[in-house]
Amino acid sequence: MPELIKIVIDDSKLVAMIQETRGKKPMRIVADGVEYGIYQELGTHRTAAHPFMRPAVEAVRAGFTKAFKEAGSNFALADQVVEKTARDVERLAKQNAPVDTGALRASIHVYKPEQIE
């Protein structure tokens, strides 16, 4: 009778990584923390719009799309791409924000979803 060879594969790190990232998506939220930010962005029936978030997002869209595709299924790399893009949007939104007392610009920040739930 031939001798059996037993091979043991320790896949515990792989399993842990899959469980850790299962259902998660790399995500950041860039938001302002003032009540009137939405009215600056979109305008009202009395005032014209002064967009600052949408132009920031559009400015980084092409680079983000390319970098995110290159990250492929590498969750850690995709998360880094999302973080950098969110920081770029934050910076540009602060630059584009209408001149005010500084409250609007100072209130623009990047958040992870769990930070605002």
N, C-alpha and C. Protein backbone atom coordinates (compact mmCIF):
# COMPACT_ATOMS: atom_id res chain seq x y z
N MET A 1 0.83 -1.17 0.00
CA MET A 1 0.00 0.00 0.00
C MET A 1 0.89 1.25 0.00
N PRO A 2 0.59 2.20 -0.91
CA PRO A 2 1.44 3.40 -0.99
C PRO A 2 1.26 4.28 0.25
N GLU A 3 2.32 4.97 0.56
CA GLU A 3 2.29 5.87 1.72
C GLU A 3 1.59 7.17 1.34
N LEU A 4 0.67 7.63 2.18
CA LEU A 4 -0.07 8.86 1.93
C LEU A 4 0.71 10.05 2.46
N ILE A 5 0.69 11.09 1.70
CA ILE A 5 1.34 12.32 2.12
C ILE A 5 0.24 13.32 2.47
N LYS A 6 0.34 13.88 3.65
CA LYS A 6 -0.66 14.83 4.09
C LYS A 6 -0.06 16.24 4.02
N ILE A 7 -0.77 17.13 3.33
CA ILE A 7 -0.33 18.52 3.21
C ILE A 7 -1.34 19.39 3.96
N VAL A 8 -0.83 20.21 4.85
CA VAL A 8 -1.68 21.11 5.62
C VAL A 8 -1.40 22.55 5.16
N ILE A 9 -2.45 23.22 4.80
CA ILE A 9 -2.32 24.61 4.37
C ILE A 9 -2.96 25.49 5.43
N ASP A 10 -2.19 26.42 5.94
CA ASP A 10 -2.71 27.36 6.93
C ASP A 10 -3.25 28.58 6.18
N ASP A 11 -4.55 28.60 6.00
CA ASP A 11 -5.17 29.70 5.29
C ASP A 11 -5.90 30.65 6.25
N SER A 12 -5.53 30.61 7.52
CA SER A 12 -6.23 31.42 8.52
C SER A 12 -6.11 32.92 8.25
N LYS A 13 -4.95 33.35 7.76
CA LYS A 13 -4.78 34.78 7.45
C LYS A 13 -5.66 35.17 6.27
N LEU A 14 -5.74 34.35 5.28
CA LEU A 14 -6.60 34.62 4.13
C LEU A 14 -8.06 34.66 4.54
N VAL A 15 -8.48 33.70 5.33
CA VAL A 15 -9.87 33.65 5.80
C VAL A 15 -10.19 34.89 6.63
N ALA A 16 -9.28 35.28 7.51
CA ALA A 16 -9.50 36.47 8.34
C ALA A 16 -9.61 37.72 7.47
N MET A 17 -8.76 37.83 6.47
CA MET A 17 -8.80 38.99 5.58
C MET A 17 -10.11 39.04 4.80
N ILE A 18 -10.56 37.92 4.31
CA ILE A 18 -11.82 37.87 3.57
C ILE A 18 -12.98 38.25 4.48
N GLN A 19 -12.98 37.72 5.69
CA GLN A 19 -14.06 38.04 6.62
C GLN A 19 -14.03 39.52 7.00
N GLU A 20 -12.83 40.07 7.13
CA GLU A 20 -12.69 41.48 7.50
C GLU A 20 -13.20 42.40 6.41
N THR A 21 -13.00 42.03 5.17
CA THR A 21 -13.38 42.91 4.07
C THR A 21 -14.71 42.53 3.43
N ARG A 22 -15.30 41.42 3.81
CA ARG A 22 -16.55 40.97 3.21
C ARG A 22 -17.63 42.02 3.42
N GLY A 23 -18.23 42.44 2.34
CA GLY A 23 -19.31 43.40 2.42
C GLY A 23 -18.84 44.83 2.58
N LYS A 24 -17.57 45.02 2.79
CA LYS A 24 -17.05 46.39 2.94
C LYS A 24 -16.63 46.92 1.59
N LYS A 25 -16.79 48.18 1.45
CA LYS A 25 -16.33 48.87 0.26
C LYS A 25 -15.48 50.03 0.72
N PRO A 26 -14.41 50.31 0.00
CA PRO A 26 -13.62 51.49 0.37
C PRO A 26 -14.51 52.72 0.18
N MET A 27 -14.71 53.47 1.25
CA MET A 27 -15.62 54.60 1.16
C MET A 27 -15.16 55.73 2.06
N ARG A 28 -15.29 56.95 1.57
CA ARG A 28 -15.08 58.14 2.36
C ARG A 28 -16.20 59.11 2.02
N ILE A 29 -16.50 59.97 2.95
CA ILE A 29 -17.52 60.99 2.75
C ILE A 29 -16.84 62.33 2.93
N VAL A 30 -17.00 63.21 1.97
CA VAL A 30 -16.50 64.57 2.08
C VAL A 30 -17.72 65.45 2.26
N ALA A 31 -17.77 66.15 3.38
CA ALA A 31 -18.96 66.94 3.69
C ALA A 31 -18.57 68.23 4.38
N ASP A 32 -19.47 69.20 4.25
CA ASP A 32 -19.30 70.42 5.03
C ASP A 32 -20.19 70.32 6.26
N GLY A 33 -19.85 71.05 7.27
CA GLY A 33 -20.57 70.95 8.53
C GLY A 33 -21.40 72.17 8.87
N VAL A 34 -21.74 72.96 7.86
CA VAL A 34 -22.58 74.14 8.12
C VAL A 34 -23.94 73.95 7.45
N GLU A 35 -24.95 74.54 8.03
CA GLU A 35 -26.30 74.36 7.50
C GLU A 35 -26.48 74.99 6.12
N TYR A 36 -25.73 76.04 5.82
CA TYR A 36 -25.95 76.76 4.57
C TYR A 36 -25.09 76.25 3.41
N GLY A 37 -24.26 75.24 3.65
CA GLY A 37 -23.40 74.72 2.59
C GLY A 37 -24.18 74.25 1.37
N ILE A 38 -25.28 73.57 1.59
CA ILE A 38 -26.10 73.07 0.48
C ILE A 38 -26.67 74.21 -0.34
N TYR A 39 -27.00 75.32 0.31
CA TYR A 39 -27.56 76.47 -0.41
C TYR A 39 -26.48 77.18 -1.23
N GLN A 40 -25.25 77.17 -0.73
CA GLN A 40 -24.14 77.71 -1.52
C GLN A 40 -23.90 76.84 -2.75
N GLU A 41 -23.93 75.53 -2.54
CA GLU A 41 -23.67 74.58 -3.63
C GLU A 41 -24.75 74.64 -4.70
N LEU A 42 -26.01 74.62 -4.30
CA LEU A 42 -27.11 74.49 -5.26
C LEU A 42 -27.86 75.78 -5.54
N GLY A 43 -27.71 76.77 -4.67
CA GLY A 43 -28.47 78.01 -4.82
C GLY A 43 -29.87 77.85 -4.26
N THR A 44 -30.60 78.93 -4.26
CA THR A 44 -32.00 78.93 -3.82
C THR A 44 -32.81 79.72 -4.84
N HIS A 45 -34.07 79.89 -4.58
CA HIS A 45 -34.88 80.68 -5.50
C HIS A 45 -34.51 82.16 -5.41
N ARG A 46 -33.76 82.56 -4.39
CA ARG A 46 -33.33 83.95 -4.22
C ARG A 46 -31.87 84.20 -4.55
N THR A 47 -31.05 83.16 -4.43
CA THR A 47 -29.61 83.35 -4.64
C THR A 47 -29.06 82.36 -5.66
N ALA A 48 -28.05 82.79 -6.37
CA ALA A 48 -27.40 81.94 -7.36
C ALA A 48 -26.55 80.88 -6.67
N ALA A 49 -26.34 79.79 -7.36
CA ALA A 49 -25.48 78.72 -6.84
C ALA A 49 -24.02 79.13 -6.93
N HIS A 50 -23.25 78.71 -5.96
CA HIS A 50 -21.80 78.88 -5.96
C HIS A 50 -21.18 77.52 -5.67
N PRO A 51 -21.21 76.63 -6.67
CA PRO A 51 -20.73 75.26 -6.44
C PRO A 51 -19.27 75.21 -6.00
N PHE A 52 -18.99 74.36 -5.04
CA PHE A 52 -17.62 74.16 -4.60
C PHE A 52 -17.30 72.68 -4.45
N MET A 53 -18.30 71.85 -4.16
CA MET A 53 -18.06 70.41 -4.04
C MET A 53 -18.05 69.73 -5.40
N ARG A 54 -19.06 69.98 -6.21
CA ARG A 54 -19.14 69.31 -7.51
C ARG A 54 -17.92 69.59 -8.38
N PRO A 55 -17.45 70.84 -8.48
CA PRO A 55 -16.23 71.06 -9.27
C PRO A 55 -15.02 70.32 -8.72
N ALA A 56 -14.95 70.19 -7.40
CA ALA A 56 -13.83 69.45 -6.80
C ALA A 56 -13.89 67.98 -7.18
N VAL A 57 -15.08 67.40 -7.13
CA VAL A 57 -15.25 66.00 -7.51
C VAL A 57 -14.92 65.80 -8.98
N GLU A 58 -15.43 66.68 -9.83
CA GLU A 58 -15.17 66.55 -11.27
C GLU A 58 -13.69 66.68 -11.60
N ALA A 59 -12.98 67.50 -10.84
CA ALA A 59 -11.54 67.70 -11.10
C ALA A 59 -10.72 66.44 -10.85
N VAL A 60 -11.17 65.58 -9.94
CA VAL A 60 -10.39 64.39 -9.60
C VAL A 60 -10.96 63.10 -10.19
N ARG A 61 -12.12 63.19 -10.83
CA ARG A 61 -12.82 62.00 -11.31
C ARG A 61 -11.97 61.12 -12.22
N ALA A 62 -11.35 61.68 -13.23
CA ALA A 62 -10.60 60.87 -14.21
C ALA A 62 -9.43 60.14 -13.55
N GLY A 63 -8.68 60.83 -12.72
CA GLY A 63 -7.55 60.20 -12.04
C GLY A 63 -8.00 59.11 -11.08
N PHE A 64 -9.12 59.36 -10.40
CA PHE A 64 -9.65 58.36 -9.47
C PHE A 64 -10.07 57.11 -10.23
N THR A 65 -10.81 57.29 -11.31
CA THR A 65 -11.31 56.14 -12.08
C THR A 65 -10.16 55.26 -12.54
N LYS A 66 -9.12 55.89 -13.06
CA LYS A 66 -7.96 55.14 -13.55
C LYS A 66 -7.26 54.40 -12.41
N ALA A 67 -6.99 55.11 -11.32
CA ALA A 67 -6.27 54.50 -10.19
C ALA A 67 -7.09 53.39 -9.54
N PHE A 68 -8.41 53.58 -9.45
CA PHE A 68 -9.27 52.57 -8.82
C PHE A 68 -9.30 51.31 -9.66
N LYS A 69 -9.35 51.46 -10.98
CA LYS A 69 -9.32 50.28 -11.86
C LYS A 69 -8.00 49.54 -11.72
N GLU A 70 -6.91 50.29 -11.61
CA GLU A 70 -5.59 49.67 -11.47
C GLU A 70 -5.47 48.93 -10.13
N ALA A 71 -6.17 49.39 -9.11
CA ALA A 71 -6.12 48.72 -7.80
C ALA A 71 -6.77 47.35 -7.87
N GLY A 72 -7.71 47.17 -8.79
CA GLY A 72 -8.36 45.88 -8.97
C GLY A 72 -9.03 45.40 -7.71
N SER A 73 -8.79 44.15 -7.37
CA SER A 73 -9.44 43.56 -6.19
C SER A 73 -8.60 43.71 -4.92
N ASN A 74 -7.52 44.48 -5.00
CA ASN A 74 -6.68 44.70 -3.82
C ASN A 74 -7.37 45.73 -2.93
N PHE A 75 -8.05 45.26 -1.88
CA PHE A 75 -8.84 46.13 -1.01
C PHE A 75 -7.99 47.22 -0.39
N ALA A 76 -6.82 46.88 0.11
CA ALA A 76 -5.97 47.87 0.79
C ALA A 76 -5.56 48.97 -0.17
N LEU A 77 -5.19 48.60 -1.39
CA LEU A 77 -4.79 49.60 -2.37
C LEU A 77 -5.99 50.45 -2.80
N ALA A 78 -7.12 49.82 -3.01
CA ALA A 78 -8.33 50.57 -3.37
C ALA A 78 -8.70 51.55 -2.27
N ASP A 79 -8.55 51.14 -1.02
CA ASP A 79 -8.85 52.02 0.10
C ASP A 79 -7.92 53.22 0.12
N GLN A 80 -6.65 53.00 -0.21
CA GLN A 80 -5.69 54.11 -0.29
C GLN A 80 -6.07 55.08 -1.41
N VAL A 81 -6.50 54.55 -2.54
CA VAL A 81 -6.92 55.39 -3.66
C VAL A 81 -8.12 56.24 -3.25
N VAL A 82 -9.08 55.62 -2.58
CA VAL A 82 -10.28 56.34 -2.13
C VAL A 82 -9.90 57.42 -1.11
N GLU A 83 -9.01 57.10 -0.18
CA GLU A 83 -8.57 58.08 0.82
C GLU A 83 -7.89 59.27 0.16
N LYS A 84 -6.96 59.01 -0.76
CA LYS A 84 -6.25 60.10 -1.43
C LYS A 84 -7.22 60.96 -2.24
N THR A 85 -8.14 60.33 -2.93
CA THR A 85 -9.11 61.07 -3.73
C THR A 85 -9.97 61.95 -2.84
N ALA A 86 -10.42 61.40 -1.72
CA ALA A 86 -11.25 62.17 -0.79
C ALA A 86 -10.47 63.38 -0.26
N ARG A 87 -9.21 63.19 0.06
CA ARG A 87 -8.38 64.30 0.54
C ARG A 87 -8.20 65.36 -0.55
N ASP A 88 -8.05 64.92 -1.80
CA ASP A 88 -7.95 65.87 -2.91
C ASP A 88 -9.25 66.66 -3.07
N VAL A 89 -10.39 65.97 -2.96
CA VAL A 89 -11.69 66.65 -3.05
C VAL A 89 -11.82 67.65 -1.91
N GLU A 90 -11.43 67.25 -0.71
CA GLU A 90 -11.50 68.16 0.44
C GLU A 90 -10.68 69.42 0.18
N ARG A 91 -9.45 69.24 -0.28
CA ARG A 91 -8.57 70.38 -0.53
C ARG A 91 -9.15 71.32 -1.59
N LEU A 92 -9.62 70.75 -2.69
CA LEU A 92 -10.17 71.57 -3.77
C LEU A 92 -11.48 72.23 -3.37
N ALA A 93 -12.32 71.54 -2.61
CA ALA A 93 -13.58 72.14 -2.15
C ALA A 93 -13.30 73.33 -1.25
N LYS A 94 -12.29 73.21 -0.40
CA LYS A 94 -11.91 74.34 0.46
C LYS A 94 -11.42 75.51 -0.38
N GLN A 95 -10.67 75.22 -1.44
CA GLN A 95 -10.20 76.29 -2.33
C GLN A 95 -11.36 76.94 -3.08
N ASN A 96 -12.33 76.13 -3.48
CA ASN A 96 -13.46 76.62 -4.29
C ASN A 96 -14.57 77.24 -3.45
N ALA A 97 -14.58 77.00 -2.16
CA ALA A 97 -15.67 77.48 -1.31
C ALA A 97 -15.78 78.99 -1.42
N PRO A 98 -17.01 79.50 -1.50
CA PRO A 98 -17.20 80.94 -1.56
C PRO A 98 -16.59 81.62 -0.34
N VAL A 99 -16.13 82.83 -0.54
CA VAL A 99 -15.54 83.58 0.57
C VAL A 99 -16.63 83.84 1.61
N ASP A 100 -16.34 83.49 2.82
CA ASP A 100 -17.24 83.74 3.93
C ASP A 100 -16.40 84.03 5.16
N THR A 101 -16.94 83.86 6.29
CA THR A 101 -16.21 84.12 7.53
C THR A 101 -15.18 83.03 7.82
N GLY A 102 -15.11 82.04 6.97
CA GLY A 102 -14.19 80.93 7.17
C GLY A 102 -14.87 79.70 7.73
N ALA A 103 -16.10 79.84 8.17
CA ALA A 103 -16.81 78.71 8.77
C ALA A 103 -17.05 77.60 7.76
N LEU A 104 -17.45 77.96 6.55
CA LEU A 104 -17.72 76.95 5.52
C LEU A 104 -16.45 76.19 5.19
N ARG A 105 -15.40 76.90 4.86
CA ARG A 105 -14.13 76.24 4.51
C ARG A 105 -13.62 75.37 5.64
N ALA A 106 -13.67 75.89 6.84
CA ALA A 106 -13.15 75.14 8.00
C ALA A 106 -13.98 73.91 8.31
N SER A 107 -15.23 73.88 7.84
CA SER A 107 -16.10 72.76 8.17
C SER A 107 -16.00 71.59 7.19
N ILE A 108 -15.28 71.76 6.09
CA ILE A 108 -15.19 70.71 5.06
C ILE A 108 -14.15 69.68 5.52
N HIS A 109 -14.60 68.43 5.66
CA HIS A 109 -13.72 67.36 6.14
C HIS A 109 -14.05 66.03 5.48
N VAL A 110 -13.09 65.11 5.55
CA VAL A 110 -13.26 63.73 5.08
C VAL A 110 -13.61 62.88 6.30
N TYR A 111 -14.60 62.02 6.10
CA TYR A 111 -15.03 61.11 7.16
C TYR A 111 -15.09 59.69 6.62
N LYS A 112 -14.84 58.73 7.50
CA LYS A 112 -15.15 57.34 7.20
C LYS A 112 -16.60 57.14 7.61
N PRO A 113 -17.33 56.27 6.92
CA PRO A 113 -18.74 56.10 7.24
C PRO A 113 -19.01 55.81 8.72
N GLU A 114 -18.15 55.02 9.35
CA GLU A 114 -18.37 54.68 10.75
C GLU A 114 -18.20 55.88 11.68
N GLN A 115 -17.56 56.96 11.19
CA GLN A 115 -17.38 58.15 12.01
C GLN A 115 -18.64 58.99 12.10
N ILE A 116 -19.58 58.78 11.19
CA ILE A 116 -20.77 59.62 11.22
C ILE A 116 -22.05 58.83 11.46
N GLU A 117 -21.95 57.54 11.66
CA GLU A 117 -23.15 56.74 11.91
C GLU A 117 -23.62 56.89 13.33
